[in-house]
Amino acid sequence: AADKPVFAYALAYADDHMVLASHASEVWVD
């Protein structure tokens, strides 16, 4: 909301990872 991006990266995503990553501007996976 402050016009700053949020980036997320992981090699593998599970349930808890996705809860946090869903709030990112860009979600990357290897």
PDB file of all heavy atoms in Angstrom:
ATOM      1  N   ALA A   1       0.825  -1.213   0.000  1.00  0.00           N
ATOM      2  CA  ALA A   1       0.000   0.000   0.000  1.00  0.00           C
ATOM      3  C   ALA A   1       0.857   1.260   0.000  1.00  0.00           C
ATOM      4  O   ALA A   1       0.396   2.331  -0.412  1.00  0.00           O
ATOM      5  CB  ALA A   1      -0.940  -0.009   1.197  1.00  0.00           C
ATOM      6  N   ALA A   2       2.111   1.150   0.468  1.00  0.00           N
ATOM      7  CA  ALA A   2       3.051   2.266   0.455  1.00  0.00           C
ATOM      8  C   ALA A   2       3.817   2.336  -0.864  1.00  0.00           C
ATOM      9  O   ALA A   2       4.851   3.014  -0.944  1.00  0.00           O
ATOM     10  CB  ALA A   2       4.021   2.142   1.621  1.00  0.00           C
ATOM     11  N   ASP A   3       3.322   1.624  -1.885  1.00  0.00           N
ATOM     12  CA  ASP A   3       3.921   1.616  -3.225  1.00  0.00           C
ATOM     13  C   ASP A   3       5.328   1.043  -3.230  1.00  0.00           C
ATOM     14  O   ASP A   3       6.215   1.505  -3.960  1.00  0.00           O
ATOM     15  CB  ASP A   3       3.925   3.028  -3.839  1.00  0.00           C
ATOM     16  CG  ASP A   3       2.522   3.529  -4.136  1.00  0.00           C
ATOM     17  OD1 ASP A   3       1.658   2.694  -4.472  1.00  0.00           O
ATOM     18  OD2 ASP A   3       2.294   4.746  -4.005  1.00  0.00           O
ATOM     19  N   LYS A   4       5.528   0.020  -2.391  1.00  0.00           N
ATOM     20  CA  LYS A   4       6.801  -0.698  -2.386  1.00  0.00           C
ATOM     21  C   LYS A   4       6.512  -2.164  -2.713  1.00  0.00           C
ATOM     22  O   LYS A   4       5.593  -2.760  -2.154  1.00  0.00           O
ATOM     23  CB  LYS A   4       7.488  -0.593  -1.017  1.00  0.00           C
ATOM     24  CG  LYS A   4       7.871   0.830  -0.631  1.00  0.00           C
ATOM     25  CD  LYS A   4       8.579   0.863   0.710  1.00  0.00           C
ATOM     26  CE  LYS A   4       8.967   2.295   1.086  1.00  0.00           C
ATOM     27  NZ  LYS A   4       9.702   2.353   2.371  1.00  0.00           N
ATOM     28  N   PRO A   5       7.283  -2.758  -3.632  1.00  0.00           N
ATOM     29  CA  PRO A   5       7.016  -4.152  -3.998  1.00  0.00           C
ATOM     30  C   PRO A   5       7.481  -5.134  -2.933  1.00  0.00           C
ATOM     31  O   PRO A   5       8.367  -4.839  -2.125  1.00  0.00           O
ATOM     32  CB  PRO A   5       7.819  -4.330  -5.294  1.00  0.00           C
ATOM     33  CG  PRO A   5       8.937  -3.340  -5.174  1.00  0.00           C
ATOM     34  CD  PRO A   5       8.382  -2.166  -4.407  1.00  0.00           C
ATOM     35  N   VAL A   6       6.852  -6.295  -2.949  1.00  0.00           N
ATOM     36  CA  VAL A   6       7.254  -7.414  -2.092  1.00  0.00           C
ATOM     37  C   VAL A   6       7.583  -8.588  -3.011  1.00  0.00           C
ATOM     38  O   VAL A   6       6.761  -9.000  -3.828  1.00  0.00           O
ATOM     39  CB  VAL A   6       6.136  -7.803  -1.109  1.00  0.00           C
ATOM     40  CG1 VAL A   6       6.542  -9.041  -0.303  1.00  0.00           C
ATOM     41  CG2 VAL A   6       5.805  -6.640  -0.175  1.00  0.00           C
ATOM     42  N   PHE A   7       8.808  -9.111  -2.893  1.00  0.00           N
ATOM     43  CA  PHE A   7       9.251 -10.234  -3.715  1.00  0.00           C
ATOM     44  C   PHE A   7       9.368 -11.479  -2.840  1.00  0.00           C
ATOM     45  O   PHE A   7       9.830 -11.402  -1.693  1.00  0.00           O
ATOM     46  CB  PHE A   7      10.614  -9.939  -4.350  1.00  0.00           C
ATOM     47  CG  PHE A   7      10.618  -8.770  -5.290  1.00  0.00           C
ATOM     48  CD1 PHE A   7      10.996  -7.505  -4.853  1.00  0.00           C
ATOM     49  CD2 PHE A   7      10.253  -8.931  -6.620  1.00  0.00           C
ATOM     50  CE1 PHE A   7      11.006  -6.423  -5.710  1.00  0.00           C
ATOM     51  CE2 PHE A   7      10.265  -7.857  -7.501  1.00  0.00           C
ATOM     52  CZ  PHE A   7      10.632  -6.598  -7.039  1.00  0.00           C
ATOM     53  N   ALA A   8       8.952 -12.625  -3.387  1.00  0.00           N
ATOM     54  CA  ALA A   8       9.070 -13.890  -2.660  1.00  0.00           C
ATOM     55  C   ALA A   8       9.787 -14.906  -3.532  1.00  0.00           C
ATOM     56  O   ALA A   8       9.542 -14.983  -4.744  1.00  0.00           O
ATOM     57  CB  ALA A   8       7.699 -14.417  -2.259  1.00  0.00           C
ATOM     58  N   TYR A   9      10.669 -15.689  -2.904  1.00  0.00           N
ATOM     59  CA  TYR A   9      11.405 -16.738  -3.621  1.00  0.00           C
ATOM     60  C   TYR A   9      11.478 -17.976  -2.741  1.00  0.00           C
ATOM     61  O   TYR A   9      11.638 -17.896  -1.520  1.00  0.00           O
ATOM     62  CB  TYR A   9      12.820 -16.274  -3.955  1.00  0.00           C
ATOM     63  CG  TYR A   9      13.676 -17.382  -4.552  1.00  0.00           C
ATOM     64  CD1 TYR A   9      13.628 -17.653  -5.921  1.00  0.00           C
ATOM     65  CD2 TYR A   9      14.493 -18.174  -3.742  1.00  0.00           C
ATOM     66  CE1 TYR A   9      14.399 -18.675  -6.467  1.00  0.00           C
ATOM     67  CE2 TYR A   9      15.258 -19.200  -4.285  1.00  0.00           C
ATOM     68  CZ  TYR A   9      15.204 -19.446  -5.644  1.00  0.00           C
ATOM     69  OH  TYR A   9      15.941 -20.456  -6.190  1.00  0.00           O
ATOM     70  N   ALA A  10      11.349 -19.151  -3.386  1.00  0.00           N
ATOM     71  CA  ALA A  10      11.556 -20.422  -2.691  1.00  0.00           C
ATOM     72  C   ALA A  10      11.866 -21.494  -3.709  1.00  0.00           C
ATOM     73  O   ALA A  10      11.541 -21.372  -4.905  1.00  0.00           O
ATOM     74  CB  ALA A  10      10.338 -20.806  -1.862  1.00  0.00           C
ATOM     75  N   LEU A  11      12.480 -22.540  -3.241  1.00  0.00           N
ATOM     76  CA  LEU A  11      12.697 -23.707  -4.080  1.00  0.00           C
ATOM     77  C   LEU A  11      11.435 -24.566  -4.120  1.00  0.00           C
ATOM     78  O   LEU A  11      11.131 -25.193  -5.122  1.00  0.00           O
ATOM     79  CB  LEU A  11      13.880 -24.520  -3.553  1.00  0.00           C
ATOM     80  CG  LEU A  11      14.371 -25.698  -4.395  1.00  0.00           C
ATOM     81  CD1 LEU A  11      14.741 -25.243  -5.799  1.00  0.00           C
ATOM     82  CD2 LEU A  11      15.560 -26.360  -3.712  1.00  0.00           C
ATOM     83  N   ALA A  12      10.689 -24.567  -3.002  1.00  0.00           N
ATOM     84  CA  ALA A  12       9.443 -25.325  -2.935  1.00  0.00           C
ATOM     85  C   ALA A  12       8.472 -24.596  -2.007  1.00  0.00           C
ATOM     86  O   ALA A  12       8.878 -24.088  -0.955  1.00  0.00           O
ATOM     87  CB  ALA A  12       9.704 -26.740  -2.427  1.00  0.00           C
ATOM     88  N   TYR A  13       7.211 -24.576  -2.394  1.00  0.00           N
ATOM     89  CA  TYR A  13       6.169 -23.930  -1.606  1.00  0.00           C
ATOM     90  C   TYR A  13       5.201 -24.981  -1.070  1.00  0.00           C
ATOM     91  O   TYR A  13       4.743 -25.857  -1.813  1.00  0.00           O
ATOM     92  CB  TYR A  13       5.375 -22.922  -2.452  1.00  0.00           C
ATOM     93  CG  TYR A  13       6.146 -21.673  -2.820  1.00  0.00           C
ATOM     94  CD1 TYR A  13       6.859 -21.603  -4.010  1.00  0.00           C
ATOM     95  CD2 TYR A  13       6.152 -20.571  -1.981  1.00  0.00           C
ATOM     96  CE1 TYR A  13       7.560 -20.456  -4.359  1.00  0.00           C
ATOM     97  CE2 TYR A  13       6.848 -19.418  -2.312  1.00  0.00           C
ATOM     98  CZ  TYR A  13       7.549 -19.363  -3.506  1.00  0.00           C
ATOM     99  OH  TYR A  13       8.245 -18.224  -3.843  1.00  0.00           O
ATOM    100  N   ALA A  14       4.887 -24.881   0.220  1.00  0.00           N
ATOM    101  CA  ALA A  14       3.836 -25.687   0.834  1.00  0.00           C
ATOM    102  C   ALA A  14       2.780 -24.730   1.383  1.00  0.00           C
ATOM    103  O   ALA A  14       2.788 -23.530   1.097  1.00  0.00           O
ATOM    104  CB  ALA A  14       4.404 -26.585   1.926  1.00  0.00           C
ATOM    105  N   ASP A  15       1.872 -25.252   2.187  1.00  0.00           N
ATOM    106  CA  ASP A  15       0.731 -24.457   2.657  1.00  0.00           C
ATOM    107  C   ASP A  15       1.156 -23.166   3.342  1.00  0.00           C
ATOM    108  O   ASP A  15       0.661 -22.078   3.016  1.00  0.00           O
ATOM    109  CB  ASP A  15      -0.127 -25.287   3.619  1.00  0.00           C
ATOM    110  CG  ASP A  15      -0.674 -26.549   2.977  1.00  0.00           C
ATOM    111  OD1 ASP A  15       0.053 -27.175   2.186  1.00  0.00           O
ATOM    112  OD2 ASP A  15      -1.815 -26.922   3.285  1.00  0.00           O
ATOM    113  N   ASP A  16       2.073 -23.273   4.318  1.00  0.00           N
ATOM    114  CA  ASP A  16       2.481 -22.084   5.077  1.00  0.00           C
ATOM    115  C   ASP A  16       3.257 -21.104   4.203  1.00  0.00           C
ATOM    116  O   ASP A  16       3.122 -19.882   4.351  1.00  0.00           O
ATOM    117  CB  ASP A  16       3.329 -22.495   6.280  1.00  0.00           C
ATOM    118  CG  ASP A  16       2.506 -23.194   7.355  1.00  0.00           C
ATOM    119  OD1 ASP A  16       1.264 -23.221   7.226  1.00  0.00           O
ATOM    120  OD2 ASP A  16       3.099 -23.730   8.312  1.00  0.00           O
ATOM    121  N   HIS A  17       4.083 -21.633   3.299  1.00  0.00           N
ATOM    122  CA  HIS A  17       4.797 -20.757   2.378  1.00  0.00           C
ATOM    123  C   HIS A  17       3.816 -19.914   1.560  1.00  0.00           C
ATOM    124  O   HIS A  17       4.011 -18.715   1.353  1.00  0.00           O
ATOM    125  CB  HIS A  17       5.660 -21.577   1.403  1.00  0.00           C
ATOM    126  CG  HIS A  17       6.707 -22.428   2.034  1.00  0.00           C
ATOM    127  ND1 HIS A  17       6.409 -23.571   2.741  1.00  0.00           N
ATOM    128  CD2 HIS A  17       8.073 -22.336   2.040  1.00  0.00           C
ATOM    129  CE1 HIS A  17       7.523 -24.133   3.159  1.00  0.00           C
ATOM    130  NE2 HIS A  17       8.550 -23.401   2.758  1.00  0.00           N
ATOM    131  N   MET A  18       2.748 -20.577   1.086  1.00  0.00           N
ATOM    132  CA  MET A  18       1.812 -19.893   0.203  1.00  0.00           C
ATOM    133  C   MET A  18       1.041 -18.797   0.922  1.00  0.00           C
ATOM    134  O   MET A  18       0.667 -17.790   0.314  1.00  0.00           O
ATOM    135  CB  MET A  18       0.838 -20.885  -0.418  1.00  0.00           C
ATOM    136  CG  MET A  18       1.406 -21.696  -1.569  1.00  0.00           C
ATOM    137  SD  MET A  18       2.184 -20.685  -2.869  1.00  0.00           S
ATOM    138  CE  MET A  18       0.854 -19.537  -3.260  1.00  0.00           C
ATOM    139  N   VAL A  19       0.785 -18.965   2.227  1.00  0.00           N
ATOM    140  CA  VAL A  19       0.085 -17.916   2.969  1.00  0.00           C
ATOM    141  C   VAL A  19       0.883 -16.621   2.911  1.00  0.00           C
ATOM    142  O   VAL A  19       0.332 -15.537   2.672  1.00  0.00           O
ATOM    143  CB  VAL A  19      -0.165 -18.341   4.428  1.00  0.00           C
ATOM    144  CG1 VAL A  19      -0.760 -17.184   5.220  1.00  0.00           C
ATOM    145  CG2 VAL A  19      -1.099 -19.538   4.484  1.00  0.00           C
ATOM    146  N   LEU A  20       2.206 -16.709   3.106  1.00  0.00           N
ATOM    147  CA  LEU A  20       3.044 -15.508   3.039  1.00  0.00           C
ATOM    148  C   LEU A  20       3.239 -15.048   1.600  1.00  0.00           C
ATOM    149  O   LEU A  20       3.107 -13.862   1.290  1.00  0.00           O
ATOM    150  CB  LEU A  20       4.401 -15.785   3.689  1.00  0.00           C
ATOM    151  CG  LEU A  20       4.417 -16.026   5.197  1.00  0.00           C
ATOM    152  CD1 LEU A  20       5.846 -16.240   5.684  1.00  0.00           C
ATOM    153  CD2 LEU A  20       3.783 -14.871   5.948  1.00  0.00           C
ATOM    154  N   ALA A  21       3.553 -15.986   0.705  1.00  0.00           N
ATOM    155  CA  ALA A  21       3.864 -15.620  -0.675  1.00  0.00           C
ATOM    156  C   ALA A  21       2.662 -15.014  -1.387  1.00  0.00           C
ATOM    157  O   ALA A  21       2.830 -14.209  -2.317  1.00  0.00           O
ATOM    158  CB  ALA A  21       4.358 -16.843  -1.440  1.00  0.00           C
ATOM    159  N   SER A  22       1.451 -15.368  -0.966  1.00  0.00           N
ATOM    160  CA  SER A  22       0.263 -14.832  -1.638  1.00  0.00           C
ATOM    161  C   SER A  22       0.157 -13.318  -1.491  1.00  0.00           C
ATOM    162  O   SER A  22      -0.566 -12.671  -2.255  1.00  0.00           O
ATOM    163  CB  SER A  22      -0.998 -15.498  -1.074  1.00  0.00           C
ATOM    164  OG  SER A  22      -1.185 -15.187   0.295  1.00  0.00           O
ATOM    165  N   HIS A  23       0.883 -12.745  -0.533  1.00  0.00           N
ATOM    166  CA  HIS A  23       0.848 -11.290  -0.324  1.00  0.00           C
ATOM    167  C   HIS A  23       1.956 -10.571  -1.102  1.00  0.00           C
ATOM    168  O   HIS A  23       2.078  -9.347  -0.996  1.00  0.00           O
ATOM    169  CB  HIS A  23       0.976 -10.968   1.162  1.00  0.00           C
ATOM    170  CG  HIS A  23      -0.191 -11.414   1.977  1.00  0.00           C
ATOM    171  ND1 HIS A  23      -1.288 -10.630   2.211  1.00  0.00           N
ATOM    172  CD2 HIS A  23      -0.448 -12.592   2.595  1.00  0.00           C
ATOM    173  CE1 HIS A  23      -2.163 -11.286   2.951  1.00  0.00           C
ATOM    174  NE2 HIS A  23      -1.674 -12.482   3.193  1.00  0.00           N
ATOM    175  N   ALA A  24       2.750 -11.313  -1.857  1.00  0.00           N
ATOM    176  CA  ALA A  24       3.874 -10.707  -2.581  1.00  0.00           C
ATOM    177  C   ALA A  24       3.420 -10.137  -3.917  1.00  0.00           C
ATOM    178  O   ALA A  24       2.460 -10.608  -4.529  1.00  0.00           O
ATOM    179  CB  ALA A  24       4.975 -11.737  -2.783  1.00  0.00           C
ATOM    180  N   SER A  25       4.150  -9.131  -4.391  1.00  0.00           N
ATOM    181  CA  SER A  25       3.906  -8.572  -5.721  1.00  0.00           C
ATOM    182  C   SER A  25       4.354  -9.543  -6.803  1.00  0.00           C
ATOM    183  O   SER A  25       3.704  -9.666  -7.845  1.00  0.00           O
ATOM    184  CB  SER A  25       4.673  -7.252  -5.883  1.00  0.00           C
ATOM    185  OG  SER A  25       4.563  -6.439  -4.754  1.00  0.00           O
ATOM    186  N   GLU A  26       5.489 -10.214  -6.567  1.00  0.00           N
ATOM    187  CA  GLU A  26       6.008 -11.218  -7.490  1.00  0.00           C
ATOM    188  C   GLU A  26       6.429 -12.439  -6.694  1.00  0.00           C
ATOM    189  O   GLU A  26       7.167 -12.323  -5.713  1.00  0.00           O
ATOM    190  CB  GLU A  26       7.212 -10.689  -8.277  1.00  0.00           C
ATOM    191  CG  GLU A  26       6.883  -9.673  -9.338  1.00  0.00           C
ATOM    192  CD  GLU A  26       8.110  -9.292 -10.167  1.00  0.00           C
ATOM    193  OE1 GLU A  26       9.071 -10.096 -10.213  1.00  0.00           O
ATOM    194  OE2 GLU A  26       8.111  -8.181 -10.735  1.00  0.00           O
ATOM    195  N   VAL A  27       5.962 -13.602  -7.142  1.00  0.00           N
ATOM    196  CA  VAL A  27       6.307 -14.868  -6.492  1.00  0.00           C
ATOM    197  C   VAL A  27       7.150 -15.680  -7.465  1.00  0.00           C
ATOM    198  O   VAL A  27       6.698 -15.997  -8.574  1.00  0.00           O
ATOM    199  CB  VAL A  27       5.055 -15.654  -6.087  1.00  0.00           C
ATOM    200  CG1 VAL A  27       5.444 -16.946  -5.370  1.00  0.00           C
ATOM    201  CG2 VAL A  27       4.147 -14.805  -5.185  1.00  0.00           C
ATOM    202  N   TRP A  28       8.356 -16.008  -7.043  1.00  0.00           N
ATOM    203  CA  TRP A  28       9.288 -16.776  -7.871  1.00  0.00           C
ATOM    204  C   TRP A  28       9.475 -18.169  -7.277  1.00  0.00           C
ATOM    205  O   TRP A  28       9.497 -18.342  -6.051  1.00  0.00           O
ATOM    206  CB  TRP A  28      10.654 -16.094  -7.929  1.00  0.00           C
ATOM    207  CG  TRP A  28      10.718 -14.877  -8.802  1.00  0.00           C
ATOM    208  CD1 TRP A  28      10.006 -13.716  -8.656  1.00  0.00           C
ATOM    209  CD2 TRP A  28      11.559 -14.688  -9.937  1.00  0.00           C
ATOM    210  NE1 TRP A  28      10.351 -12.826  -9.626  1.00  0.00           N
ATOM    211  CE2 TRP A  28      11.306 -13.384 -10.439  1.00  0.00           C
ATOM    212  CE3 TRP A  28      12.500 -15.477 -10.579  1.00  0.00           C
ATOM    213  CZ2 TRP A  28      11.963 -12.870 -11.554  1.00  0.00           C
ATOM    214  CZ3 TRP A  28      13.166 -14.972 -11.685  1.00  0.00           C
ATOM    215  CH2 TRP A  28      12.889 -13.677 -12.171  1.00  0.00           C
ATOM    216  N   VAL A  29       9.640 -19.152  -8.159  1.00  0.00           N
ATOM    217  CA  VAL A  29      10.015 -20.489  -7.730  1.00  0.00           C
ATOM    218  C   VAL A  29      11.121 -20.989  -8.640  1.00  0.00           C
ATOM    219  O   VAL A  29      11.139 -20.687  -9.844  1.00  0.00           O
ATOM    220  CB  VAL A  29       8.804 -21.461  -7.746  1.00  0.00           C
ATOM    221  CG1 VAL A  29       8.343 -21.750  -9.172  1.00  0.00           C
ATOM    222  CG2 VAL A  29       9.142 -22.763  -7.035  1.00  0.00           C
ATOM    223  N   ASP A  30      12.048 -21.725  -8.075  1.00  0.00           N
ATOM    224  CA  ASP A  30      13.130 -22.302  -8.862  1.00  0.00           C
ATOM    225  C   ASP A  30      12.551 -23.293  -9.879  1.00  0.00           C
ATOM    226  O   ASP A  30      11.605 -24.016  -9.590  1.00  0.00           O
ATOM    227  CB  ASP A  30      14.123 -23.012  -7.937  1.00  0.00           C
ATOM    228  CG  ASP A  30      15.419 -23.352  -8.631  1.00  0.00           C
ATOM    229  OD1 ASP A  30      15.427 -24.318  -9.418  1.00  0.00           O
ATOM    230  OD2 ASP A  30      16.426 -22.668  -8.377  1.00  0.00           O
TER     231      ASP A  30
END
